Amino acid sequence: ESIADEFIAGVVETAKSFKMGDPTSPETYLGPMALPSAPAFLQSQVDDAVAKGATLHVGGALLPDQPRFYPPTVLSGVDHTMSLMKDESFGPIIGIQTVSSDEEALALMNDTDFGLTSGVWSADQARAEGLLAQVNSGTAYWNCGDRVSPFLPWSGRKGSGVGATLSTIGIQSFVIPKGYHLRA
């Protein structure tokens, strides 16, 4: 709780720096959404959160001139009555919920039917790794949330999917084994 205001301000400034545009341009950080319905879904999550008391810091509005884009959006004062905190968004929105203990954070992080990714921001690596080991998600982030490595598996838990991509585990999912039973 003691670092919440500073943390939120940093996330807001980072979100403001994300450039939307042509995904082939090196300056672009956010390209268009894959599904035409995605921006409206994100808007419904933001509207739900704001109606239930969340504070909108940046973004949070459809872009009529860019119907396949959604702006980087940061909300605070969120809770688990809000779709944003319980359902997968797959878009550039983040809800920041302040907690008073690691135990409270863990309970909230695991309070979802999904488990694709989780993240912990902390100056203490051992503490972060200890927390992430207890979160039921397929991919865990420490002090980041935008990395994908071909060397690490990308997988989900619970309602976030079955199987894995990337890494040797992901490559194996594309291999069709064949067993030979031979008798001389």
N, C-alpha and C. Protein backbone atom coordinates (compact mmCIF):
# COMPACT_ATOMS: atom_id res chain seq x y z
N GLU A 1 0.81 -1.20 0.00
CA GLU A 1 0.00 0.00 0.00
C GLU A 1 0.85 1.26 0.00
N SER A 2 2.00 1.19 0.65
CA SER A 2 2.82 2.40 0.81
C SER A 2 3.42 2.88 -0.50
N ILE A 3 3.54 2.02 -1.49
CA ILE A 3 4.13 2.41 -2.77
C ILE A 3 3.09 2.55 -3.88
N ALA A 4 1.82 2.39 -3.53
CA ALA A 4 0.76 2.35 -4.55
C ALA A 4 0.75 3.59 -5.43
N ASP A 5 0.76 4.76 -4.84
CA ASP A 5 0.66 5.99 -5.64
C ASP A 5 1.83 6.13 -6.61
N GLU A 6 3.03 5.87 -6.13
CA GLU A 6 4.21 5.95 -6.98
C GLU A 6 4.17 4.89 -8.09
N PHE A 7 3.75 3.69 -7.73
CA PHE A 7 3.65 2.61 -8.71
C PHE A 7 2.63 2.94 -9.79
N ILE A 8 1.45 3.39 -9.37
CA ILE A 8 0.40 3.73 -10.34
C ILE A 8 0.89 4.84 -11.27
N ALA A 9 1.53 5.86 -10.72
CA ALA A 9 2.04 6.96 -11.56
C ALA A 9 3.04 6.43 -12.58
N GLY A 10 3.90 5.51 -12.19
CA GLY A 10 4.87 4.94 -13.12
C GLY A 10 4.21 4.12 -14.22
N VAL A 11 3.19 3.35 -13.86
CA VAL A 11 2.47 2.56 -14.87
C VAL A 11 1.74 3.48 -15.84
N VAL A 12 1.13 4.53 -15.33
CA VAL A 12 0.43 5.49 -16.19
C VAL A 12 1.40 6.14 -17.17
N GLU A 13 2.55 6.58 -16.70
CA GLU A 13 3.54 7.20 -17.58
C GLU A 13 4.03 6.21 -18.64
N THR A 14 4.24 4.98 -18.25
CA THR A 14 4.66 3.96 -19.21
C THR A 14 3.57 3.74 -20.26
N ALA A 15 2.32 3.61 -19.82
CA ALA A 15 1.22 3.40 -20.75
C ALA A 15 1.10 4.56 -21.73
N LYS A 16 1.30 5.78 -21.26
CA LYS A 16 1.23 6.96 -22.14
C LYS A 16 2.32 6.93 -23.21
N SER A 17 3.41 6.23 -22.95
CA SER A 17 4.52 6.20 -23.91
C SER A 17 4.31 5.18 -25.03
N PHE A 18 3.34 4.29 -24.89
CA PHE A 18 3.12 3.25 -25.90
C PHE A 18 2.52 3.88 -27.16
N LYS A 19 3.21 3.70 -28.27
CA LYS A 19 2.75 4.24 -29.55
C LYS A 19 1.91 3.18 -30.27
N MET A 20 0.71 3.57 -30.66
CA MET A 20 -0.15 2.70 -31.46
C MET A 20 0.07 3.02 -32.93
N GLY A 21 -0.09 2.00 -33.76
CA GLY A 21 0.03 2.27 -35.18
C GLY A 21 0.31 1.03 -36.00
N ASP A 22 0.99 1.25 -37.09
CA ASP A 22 1.32 0.21 -38.06
C ASP A 22 2.23 -0.82 -37.38
N PRO A 23 1.80 -2.09 -37.31
CA PRO A 23 2.62 -3.10 -36.63
C PRO A 23 3.95 -3.39 -37.31
N THR A 24 4.12 -2.95 -38.54
CA THR A 24 5.41 -3.17 -39.22
C THR A 24 6.40 -2.05 -38.94
N SER A 25 5.94 -0.99 -38.29
CA SER A 25 6.81 0.14 -37.98
C SER A 25 7.58 -0.14 -36.69
N PRO A 26 8.89 0.08 -36.69
CA PRO A 26 9.67 -0.16 -35.47
C PRO A 26 9.28 0.74 -34.30
N GLU A 27 8.63 1.87 -34.57
CA GLU A 27 8.22 2.79 -33.50
C GLU A 27 6.93 2.34 -32.82
N THR A 28 6.20 1.42 -33.45
CA THR A 28 4.91 0.98 -32.92
C THR A 28 5.10 -0.03 -31.81
N TYR A 29 4.39 0.19 -30.71
CA TYR A 29 4.38 -0.77 -29.61
C TYR A 29 3.07 -1.57 -29.61
N LEU A 30 1.96 -0.92 -30.00
CA LEU A 30 0.66 -1.58 -30.03
C LEU A 30 0.06 -1.49 -31.42
N GLY A 31 -0.22 -2.64 -32.00
CA GLY A 31 -0.88 -2.69 -33.30
C GLY A 31 -2.37 -2.90 -33.13
N PRO A 32 -3.06 -3.21 -34.21
CA PRO A 32 -4.50 -3.41 -34.15
C PRO A 32 -4.84 -4.71 -33.41
N MET A 33 -6.04 -4.76 -32.88
CA MET A 33 -6.52 -5.95 -32.19
C MET A 33 -6.82 -7.03 -33.23
N ALA A 34 -6.62 -8.28 -32.87
CA ALA A 34 -6.81 -9.39 -33.80
C ALA A 34 -8.28 -9.57 -34.18
N LEU A 35 -9.16 -9.42 -33.22
CA LEU A 35 -10.59 -9.61 -33.49
C LEU A 35 -11.31 -8.27 -33.57
N PRO A 36 -12.19 -8.10 -34.53
CA PRO A 36 -12.93 -6.84 -34.63
C PRO A 36 -13.76 -6.54 -33.37
N SER A 37 -14.18 -7.58 -32.65
CA SER A 37 -15.00 -7.40 -31.46
C SER A 37 -14.17 -7.06 -30.21
N ALA A 38 -12.87 -7.18 -30.27
CA ALA A 38 -12.02 -7.00 -29.09
C ALA A 38 -12.11 -5.60 -28.48
N PRO A 39 -12.02 -4.53 -29.25
CA PRO A 39 -12.12 -3.21 -28.61
C PRO A 39 -13.42 -3.00 -27.84
N ALA A 40 -14.53 -3.46 -28.37
CA ALA A 40 -15.82 -3.31 -27.67
C ALA A 40 -15.81 -4.12 -26.38
N PHE A 41 -15.21 -5.30 -26.39
CA PHE A 41 -15.13 -6.11 -25.16
C PHE A 41 -14.29 -5.39 -24.11
N LEU A 42 -13.15 -4.84 -24.51
CA LEU A 42 -12.32 -4.10 -23.57
C LEU A 42 -13.08 -2.90 -23.01
N GLN A 43 -13.81 -2.21 -23.88
CA GLN A 43 -14.59 -1.06 -23.42
C GLN A 43 -15.62 -1.49 -22.39
N SER A 44 -16.25 -2.66 -22.60
CA SER A 44 -17.24 -3.13 -21.63
C SER A 44 -16.58 -3.42 -20.28
N GLN A 45 -15.35 -3.93 -20.29
CA GLN A 45 -14.64 -4.17 -19.04
C GLN A 45 -14.30 -2.85 -18.33
N VAL A 46 -13.87 -1.88 -19.09
CA VAL A 46 -13.54 -0.56 -18.50
C VAL A 46 -14.81 0.09 -17.96
N ASP A 47 -15.89 0.07 -18.73
CA ASP A 47 -17.14 0.67 -18.29
C ASP A 47 -17.65 0.01 -17.01
N ASP A 48 -17.55 -1.31 -16.95
CA ASP A 48 -17.97 -2.06 -15.76
C ASP A 48 -17.15 -1.62 -14.55
N ALA A 49 -15.83 -1.54 -14.73
CA ALA A 49 -14.95 -1.16 -13.62
C ALA A 49 -15.24 0.26 -13.13
N VAL A 50 -15.37 1.19 -14.05
CA VAL A 50 -15.63 2.58 -13.67
C VAL A 50 -16.99 2.70 -12.99
N ALA A 51 -17.99 2.00 -13.51
CA ALA A 51 -19.33 2.04 -12.89
C ALA A 51 -19.30 1.50 -11.47
N LYS A 52 -18.36 0.61 -11.18
CA LYS A 52 -18.25 0.01 -9.85
C LYS A 52 -17.24 0.72 -8.96
N GLY A 53 -16.72 1.88 -9.41
CA GLY A 53 -15.89 2.69 -8.54
C GLY A 53 -14.42 2.78 -8.89
N ALA A 54 -13.96 2.14 -9.95
CA ALA A 54 -12.55 2.24 -10.34
C ALA A 54 -12.22 3.64 -10.83
N THR A 55 -10.95 4.00 -10.70
CA THR A 55 -10.47 5.28 -11.22
C THR A 55 -9.75 5.03 -12.54
N LEU A 56 -10.18 5.75 -13.56
CA LEU A 56 -9.55 5.65 -14.88
C LEU A 56 -8.47 6.71 -14.97
N HIS A 57 -7.23 6.29 -15.21
CA HIS A 57 -6.09 7.22 -15.26
C HIS A 57 -5.73 7.63 -16.68
N VAL A 58 -5.83 6.70 -17.62
CA VAL A 58 -5.46 6.99 -19.00
C VAL A 58 -6.17 5.99 -19.89
N GLY A 59 -6.49 6.42 -21.13
CA GLY A 59 -7.16 5.53 -22.08
C GLY A 59 -8.63 5.37 -21.75
N GLY A 60 -9.12 4.17 -22.03
CA GLY A 60 -10.48 3.84 -21.64
C GLY A 60 -11.58 4.32 -22.55
N ALA A 61 -11.26 4.58 -23.83
CA ALA A 61 -12.30 5.03 -24.76
C ALA A 61 -12.02 4.44 -26.14
N LEU A 62 -13.10 4.00 -26.78
CA LEU A 62 -12.98 3.50 -28.15
C LEU A 62 -12.47 4.61 -29.06
N LEU A 63 -11.80 4.21 -30.11
CA LEU A 63 -11.23 5.16 -31.07
C LEU A 63 -12.00 5.04 -32.39
N PRO A 64 -12.99 5.91 -32.62
CA PRO A 64 -13.83 5.78 -33.82
C PRO A 64 -13.03 5.78 -35.13
N ASP A 65 -11.93 6.53 -35.17
CA ASP A 65 -11.12 6.59 -36.39
C ASP A 65 -10.20 5.38 -36.55
N GLN A 66 -10.08 4.58 -35.49
CA GLN A 66 -9.24 3.38 -35.51
C GLN A 66 -10.01 2.25 -34.83
N PRO A 67 -11.00 1.68 -35.51
CA PRO A 67 -11.90 0.72 -34.87
C PRO A 67 -11.25 -0.59 -34.42
N ARG A 68 -10.06 -0.92 -34.92
CA ARG A 68 -9.40 -2.16 -34.50
C ARG A 68 -8.36 -1.91 -33.40
N PHE A 69 -8.26 -0.70 -32.91
CA PHE A 69 -7.29 -0.36 -31.87
C PHE A 69 -8.02 -0.06 -30.56
N TYR A 70 -7.30 -0.22 -29.46
CA TYR A 70 -7.78 0.22 -28.16
C TYR A 70 -6.59 0.85 -27.45
N PRO A 71 -6.79 2.03 -26.86
CA PRO A 71 -5.64 2.73 -26.27
C PRO A 71 -5.16 2.06 -24.98
N PRO A 72 -3.88 2.21 -24.68
CA PRO A 72 -3.37 1.72 -23.40
C PRO A 72 -4.18 2.33 -22.27
N THR A 73 -4.68 1.50 -21.39
CA THR A 73 -5.63 1.93 -20.38
C THR A 73 -5.20 1.44 -19.00
N VAL A 74 -5.19 2.35 -18.03
CA VAL A 74 -4.82 2.03 -16.66
C VAL A 74 -5.94 2.45 -15.73
N LEU A 75 -6.35 1.50 -14.88
CA LEU A 75 -7.34 1.78 -13.85
C LEU A 75 -6.79 1.37 -12.49
N SER A 76 -7.20 2.07 -11.46
CA SER A 76 -6.86 1.68 -10.09
C SER A 76 -8.15 1.65 -9.29
N GLY A 77 -8.04 1.21 -8.05
CA GLY A 77 -9.24 1.10 -7.23
C GLY A 77 -10.16 0.00 -7.71
N VAL A 78 -9.59 -1.00 -8.35
CA VAL A 78 -10.38 -2.11 -8.87
C VAL A 78 -10.54 -3.19 -7.80
N ASP A 79 -11.51 -4.07 -8.02
CA ASP A 79 -11.68 -5.22 -7.13
C ASP A 79 -12.24 -6.39 -7.92
N HIS A 80 -12.44 -7.49 -7.26
CA HIS A 80 -12.82 -8.71 -7.94
C HIS A 80 -14.31 -8.84 -8.22
N THR A 81 -15.06 -7.75 -8.07
CA THR A 81 -16.43 -7.73 -8.57
C THR A 81 -16.44 -7.27 -10.02
N MET A 82 -15.28 -6.87 -10.53
CA MET A 82 -15.16 -6.28 -11.87
C MET A 82 -14.63 -7.30 -12.86
N SER A 83 -15.24 -7.32 -14.03
CA SER A 83 -14.82 -8.24 -15.09
C SER A 83 -13.33 -8.11 -15.40
N LEU A 84 -12.84 -6.89 -15.38
CA LEU A 84 -11.43 -6.61 -15.67
C LEU A 84 -10.50 -7.45 -14.80
N MET A 85 -10.90 -7.74 -13.58
CA MET A 85 -10.04 -8.45 -12.64
C MET A 85 -10.30 -9.95 -12.60
N LYS A 86 -11.35 -10.42 -13.25
CA LYS A 86 -11.70 -11.84 -13.18
C LYS A 86 -11.64 -12.54 -14.53
N ASP A 87 -11.75 -11.80 -15.61
CA ASP A 87 -11.81 -12.38 -16.95
C ASP A 87 -10.60 -11.97 -17.77
N GLU A 88 -10.26 -12.80 -18.73
CA GLU A 88 -9.12 -12.48 -19.60
C GLU A 88 -9.50 -11.34 -20.54
N SER A 89 -8.61 -10.37 -20.66
CA SER A 89 -8.87 -9.19 -21.48
C SER A 89 -8.24 -9.29 -22.86
N PHE A 90 -7.02 -9.77 -22.93
CA PHE A 90 -6.26 -9.83 -24.18
C PHE A 90 -6.20 -8.48 -24.88
N GLY A 91 -5.91 -7.47 -24.11
CA GLY A 91 -5.79 -6.13 -24.67
C GLY A 91 -4.98 -5.25 -23.74
N PRO A 92 -4.73 -4.03 -24.16
CA PRO A 92 -3.84 -3.13 -23.40
C PRO A 92 -4.53 -2.40 -22.26
N ILE A 93 -5.13 -3.18 -21.35
CA ILE A 93 -5.73 -2.59 -20.17
C ILE A 93 -5.17 -3.27 -18.93
N ILE A 94 -5.01 -2.50 -17.87
CA ILE A 94 -4.53 -3.04 -16.61
C ILE A 94 -5.32 -2.43 -15.47
N GLY A 95 -5.71 -3.30 -14.56
CA GLY A 95 -6.35 -2.87 -13.32
C GLY A 95 -5.36 -3.06 -12.19
N ILE A 96 -5.14 -2.04 -11.42
CA ILE A 96 -4.19 -2.11 -10.30
C ILE A 96 -4.98 -2.13 -9.00
N GLN A 97 -4.82 -3.23 -8.28
CA GLN A 97 -5.51 -3.39 -7.00
C GLN A 97 -4.49 -3.35 -5.88
N THR A 98 -4.67 -2.44 -4.96
CA THR A 98 -3.76 -2.29 -3.83
C THR A 98 -4.05 -3.37 -2.79
N VAL A 99 -2.99 -3.96 -2.25
CA VAL A 99 -3.12 -4.98 -1.22
C VAL A 99 -2.23 -4.62 -0.04
N SER A 100 -2.52 -5.24 1.10
CA SER A 100 -1.75 -4.92 2.30
C SER A 100 -0.77 -6.01 2.69
N SER A 101 -0.79 -7.16 1.98
CA SER A 101 0.13 -8.24 2.34
C SER A 101 0.34 -9.17 1.15
N ASP A 102 1.41 -9.93 1.20
CA ASP A 102 1.67 -10.93 0.16
C ASP A 102 0.56 -11.98 0.14
N GLU A 103 0.07 -12.34 1.31
CA GLU A 103 -0.99 -13.35 1.39
C GLU A 103 -2.26 -12.87 0.70
N GLU A 104 -2.60 -11.60 0.90
CA GLU A 104 -3.77 -11.04 0.23
C GLU A 104 -3.56 -11.01 -1.28
N ALA A 105 -2.36 -10.64 -1.70
CA ALA A 105 -2.06 -10.61 -3.13
C ALA A 105 -2.20 -12.00 -3.75
N LEU A 106 -1.66 -13.01 -3.10
CA LEU A 106 -1.75 -14.38 -3.61
C LEU A 106 -3.18 -14.85 -3.71
N ALA A 107 -3.97 -14.59 -2.68
CA ALA A 107 -5.37 -15.01 -2.71
C ALA A 107 -6.10 -14.37 -3.88
N LEU A 108 -5.85 -13.09 -4.11
CA LEU A 108 -6.51 -12.39 -5.21
C LEU A 108 -5.99 -12.86 -6.58
N MET A 109 -4.70 -13.09 -6.68
CA MET A 109 -4.13 -13.53 -7.96
C MET A 109 -4.67 -14.90 -8.37
N ASN A 110 -4.97 -15.73 -7.40
CA ASN A 110 -5.50 -17.07 -7.69
C ASN A 110 -7.02 -17.10 -7.76
N ASP A 111 -7.68 -15.98 -7.50
CA ASP A 111 -9.14 -15.89 -7.49
C ASP A 111 -9.67 -15.60 -8.89
N THR A 112 -9.49 -16.56 -9.78
CA THR A 112 -9.95 -16.42 -11.16
C THR A 112 -10.10 -17.80 -11.76
N ASP A 113 -10.92 -17.90 -12.77
CA ASP A 113 -11.08 -19.16 -13.49
C ASP A 113 -10.00 -19.32 -14.56
N PHE A 114 -9.11 -18.35 -14.66
CA PHE A 114 -8.09 -18.36 -15.70
C PHE A 114 -6.70 -18.39 -15.09
N GLY A 115 -5.69 -18.62 -15.91
CA GLY A 115 -4.33 -18.67 -15.40
C GLY A 115 -3.29 -18.66 -16.49
N LEU A 116 -3.37 -17.69 -17.38
CA LEU A 116 -2.39 -17.61 -18.46
C LEU A 116 -1.09 -17.00 -17.96
N THR A 117 -1.15 -15.78 -17.42
CA THR A 117 0.06 -15.12 -16.94
C THR A 117 -0.19 -14.49 -15.58
N SER A 118 0.90 -14.26 -14.88
CA SER A 118 0.86 -13.53 -13.62
C SER A 118 2.14 -12.72 -13.52
N GLY A 119 2.09 -11.68 -12.72
CA GLY A 119 3.28 -10.85 -12.56
C GLY A 119 3.39 -10.29 -11.17
N VAL A 120 4.63 -10.16 -10.71
CA VAL A 120 4.93 -9.56 -9.42
C VAL A 120 6.00 -8.51 -9.65
N TRP A 121 5.78 -7.33 -9.09
CA TRP A 121 6.77 -6.26 -9.14
C TRP A 121 7.34 -6.12 -7.74
N SER A 122 8.64 -6.31 -7.63
CA SER A 122 9.30 -6.24 -6.32
C SER A 122 10.79 -6.04 -6.52
N ALA A 123 11.42 -5.33 -5.59
CA ALA A 123 12.88 -5.19 -5.61
C ALA A 123 13.56 -6.45 -5.10
N ASP A 124 12.81 -7.34 -4.49
CA ASP A 124 13.33 -8.56 -3.86
C ASP A 124 13.04 -9.77 -4.75
N GLN A 125 14.05 -10.25 -5.47
CA GLN A 125 13.85 -11.35 -6.40
C GLN A 125 13.38 -12.62 -5.70
N ALA A 126 13.97 -12.97 -4.58
CA ALA A 126 13.59 -14.19 -3.87
C ALA A 126 12.13 -14.11 -3.43
N ARG A 127 11.71 -12.96 -2.95
CA ARG A 127 10.32 -12.78 -2.54
C ARG A 127 9.38 -12.92 -3.73
N ALA A 128 9.75 -12.30 -4.85
CA ALA A 128 8.93 -12.39 -6.06
C ALA A 128 8.83 -13.83 -6.55
N GLU A 129 9.94 -14.54 -6.60
CA GLU A 129 9.92 -15.93 -7.06
C GLU A 129 9.08 -16.79 -6.12
N GLY A 130 9.16 -16.53 -4.82
CA GLY A 130 8.35 -17.27 -3.87
C GLY A 130 6.86 -17.06 -4.09
N LEU A 131 6.48 -15.82 -4.39
CA LEU A 131 5.08 -15.53 -4.67
C LEU A 131 4.64 -16.18 -5.98
N LEU A 132 5.44 -16.01 -7.02
CA LEU A 132 5.07 -16.54 -8.33
C LEU A 132 4.97 -18.06 -8.32
N ALA A 133 5.74 -18.72 -7.49
CA ALA A 133 5.67 -20.18 -7.40
C ALA A 133 4.31 -20.63 -6.85
N GLN A 134 3.62 -19.74 -6.15
CA GLN A 134 2.34 -20.09 -5.54
C GLN A 134 1.13 -19.65 -6.37
N VAL A 135 1.39 -18.96 -7.48
CA VAL A 135 0.30 -18.51 -8.34
C VAL A 135 0.04 -19.57 -9.39
N ASN A 136 -1.23 -19.89 -9.61
CA ASN A 136 -1.60 -20.93 -10.56
C ASN A 136 -1.73 -20.32 -11.97
N SER A 137 -0.57 -20.08 -12.59
CA SER A 137 -0.55 -19.56 -13.95
C SER A 137 0.55 -20.25 -14.74
N GLY A 138 0.40 -20.25 -16.04
CA GLY A 138 1.37 -20.93 -16.89
C GLY A 138 2.64 -20.13 -17.14
N THR A 139 2.56 -18.82 -17.10
CA THR A 139 3.71 -17.96 -17.33
C THR A 139 3.76 -16.93 -16.21
N ALA A 140 4.95 -16.74 -15.65
CA ALA A 140 5.12 -15.83 -14.52
C ALA A 140 6.15 -14.75 -14.88
N TYR A 141 5.85 -13.52 -14.51
CA TYR A 141 6.72 -12.39 -14.79
C TYR A 141 7.18 -11.73 -13.50
N TRP A 142 8.44 -11.34 -13.46
CA TRP A 142 8.97 -10.55 -12.35
C TRP A 142 9.44 -9.22 -12.93
N ASN A 143 8.83 -8.14 -12.50
CA ASN A 143 9.15 -6.77 -12.91
C ASN A 143 9.04 -6.55 -14.42
N CYS A 144 8.17 -7.28 -15.05
CA CYS A 144 7.88 -7.06 -16.47
C CYS A 144 6.55 -7.75 -16.77
N GLY A 145 6.09 -7.60 -17.97
CA GLY A 145 4.85 -8.25 -18.35
C GLY A 145 4.68 -8.32 -19.84
N ASP A 146 5.76 -8.10 -20.55
CA ASP A 146 5.64 -8.02 -22.01
C ASP A 146 6.71 -8.84 -22.71
N ARG A 147 7.17 -9.89 -22.07
CA ARG A 147 8.23 -10.70 -22.65
C ARG A 147 7.69 -12.06 -23.08
N VAL A 148 8.14 -12.53 -24.22
CA VAL A 148 7.89 -13.90 -24.65
C VAL A 148 9.23 -14.41 -25.15
N SER A 149 9.64 -15.55 -24.63
CA SER A 149 10.93 -16.12 -25.01
C SER A 149 10.71 -17.45 -25.73
N PRO A 150 11.40 -17.66 -26.84
CA PRO A 150 11.29 -18.95 -27.52
C PRO A 150 11.89 -20.08 -26.70
N PHE A 151 12.63 -19.76 -25.64
CA PHE A 151 13.28 -20.78 -24.83
C PHE A 151 12.42 -21.24 -23.66
N LEU A 152 11.34 -20.53 -23.38
CA LEU A 152 10.48 -20.86 -22.25
C LEU A 152 9.10 -21.26 -22.75
N PRO A 153 8.46 -22.23 -22.10
CA PRO A 153 7.11 -22.62 -22.55
C PRO A 153 6.10 -21.52 -22.26
N TRP A 154 5.12 -21.41 -23.13
CA TRP A 154 4.00 -20.50 -22.96
C TRP A 154 2.77 -21.39 -22.80
N SER A 155 2.22 -21.41 -21.61
CA SER A 155 1.09 -22.29 -21.36
C SER A 155 0.12 -21.63 -20.41
N GLY A 156 -1.07 -22.19 -20.34
CA GLY A 156 -2.09 -21.66 -19.45
C GLY A 156 -2.49 -22.69 -18.41
N ARG A 157 -3.25 -22.24 -17.46
CA ARG A 157 -3.83 -23.10 -16.43
C ARG A 157 -5.33 -22.84 -16.41
N LYS A 158 -6.03 -23.73 -15.77
CA LYS A 158 -7.48 -23.60 -15.60
C LYS A 158 -8.13 -23.32 -16.95
N GLY A 159 -8.93 -22.28 -17.06
CA GLY A 159 -9.65 -21.99 -18.31
C GLY A 159 -8.83 -21.29 -19.37
N SER A 160 -7.53 -21.19 -19.16
CA SER A 160 -6.67 -20.47 -20.12
C SER A 160 -6.01 -21.38 -21.14
N GLY A 161 -6.45 -22.59 -21.27
CA GLY A 161 -5.94 -23.42 -22.34
C GLY A 161 -5.24 -24.67 -21.87
N VAL A 162 -4.99 -25.50 -22.85
CA VAL A 162 -4.35 -26.79 -22.62
C VAL A 162 -3.11 -26.86 -23.50
N GLY A 163 -2.05 -27.41 -22.99
CA GLY A 163 -0.84 -27.56 -23.79
C GLY A 163 0.07 -26.36 -23.68
N ALA A 164 1.06 -26.34 -24.55
CA ALA A 164 2.07 -25.29 -24.50
C ALA A 164 2.58 -24.99 -25.89
N THR A 165 3.06 -23.77 -26.06
CA THR A 165 3.80 -23.40 -27.26
C THR A 165 5.17 -22.91 -26.80
N LEU A 166 6.04 -22.70 -27.74
CA LEU A 166 7.41 -22.25 -27.49
C LEU A 166 8.20 -23.29 -26.69
N SER A 167 9.48 -23.16 -26.64
CA SER A 167 10.43 -24.06 -25.97
C SER A 167 10.39 -25.45 -26.60
N THR A 168 11.19 -26.32 -26.07
CA THR A 168 11.17 -27.70 -26.59
C THR A 168 9.83 -28.36 -26.31
N ILE A 169 9.17 -27.96 -25.23
CA ILE A 169 7.84 -28.51 -24.92
C ILE A 169 6.85 -28.12 -26.01
N GLY A 170 6.87 -26.88 -26.43
CA GLY A 170 5.97 -26.43 -27.48
C GLY A 170 6.27 -27.07 -28.82
N ILE A 171 7.54 -27.21 -29.13
CA ILE A 171 7.92 -27.86 -30.39
C ILE A 171 7.41 -29.29 -30.42
N GLN A 172 7.47 -29.98 -29.29
CA GLN A 172 7.01 -31.37 -29.23
C GLN A 172 5.53 -31.50 -29.56
N SER A 173 4.76 -30.46 -29.33
CA SER A 173 3.33 -30.54 -29.64
C SER A 173 3.08 -30.59 -31.15
N PHE A 174 4.09 -30.21 -31.94
CA PHE A 174 3.95 -30.27 -33.40
C PHE A 174 4.52 -31.57 -33.98
N VAL A 175 5.10 -32.36 -33.14
CA VAL A 175 5.70 -33.62 -33.58
C VAL A 175 4.66 -34.72 -33.45
N ILE A 176 4.50 -35.50 -34.48
CA ILE A 176 3.58 -36.62 -34.44
C ILE A 176 4.41 -37.89 -34.31
N PRO A 177 4.44 -38.46 -33.11
CA PRO A 177 5.26 -39.65 -32.92
C PRO A 177 4.65 -40.87 -33.60
N LYS A 178 5.52 -41.78 -33.89
CA LYS A 178 5.06 -43.04 -34.51
C LYS A 178 5.79 -44.16 -33.83
N GLY A 179 5.04 -45.12 -33.35
CA GLY A 179 5.65 -46.26 -32.69
C GLY A 179 5.72 -47.44 -33.66
N TYR A 180 6.86 -48.12 -33.66
CA TYR A 180 7.04 -49.31 -34.50
C TYR A 180 7.13 -50.52 -33.59
N HIS A 181 6.26 -51.47 -33.80
CA HIS A 181 6.30 -52.73 -33.08
C HIS A 181 6.75 -53.78 -34.09
N LEU A 182 7.96 -54.24 -33.93
CA LEU A 182 8.55 -55.14 -34.92
C LEU A 182 8.82 -56.52 -34.32
N ARG A 183 8.66 -57.51 -35.13
CA ARG A 183 8.98 -58.87 -34.73
C ARG A 183 9.78 -59.50 -35.86
N ALA A 184 10.92 -60.07 -35.51
CA ALA A 184 11.76 -60.70 -36.54
C ALA A 184 11.30 -62.11 -36.82
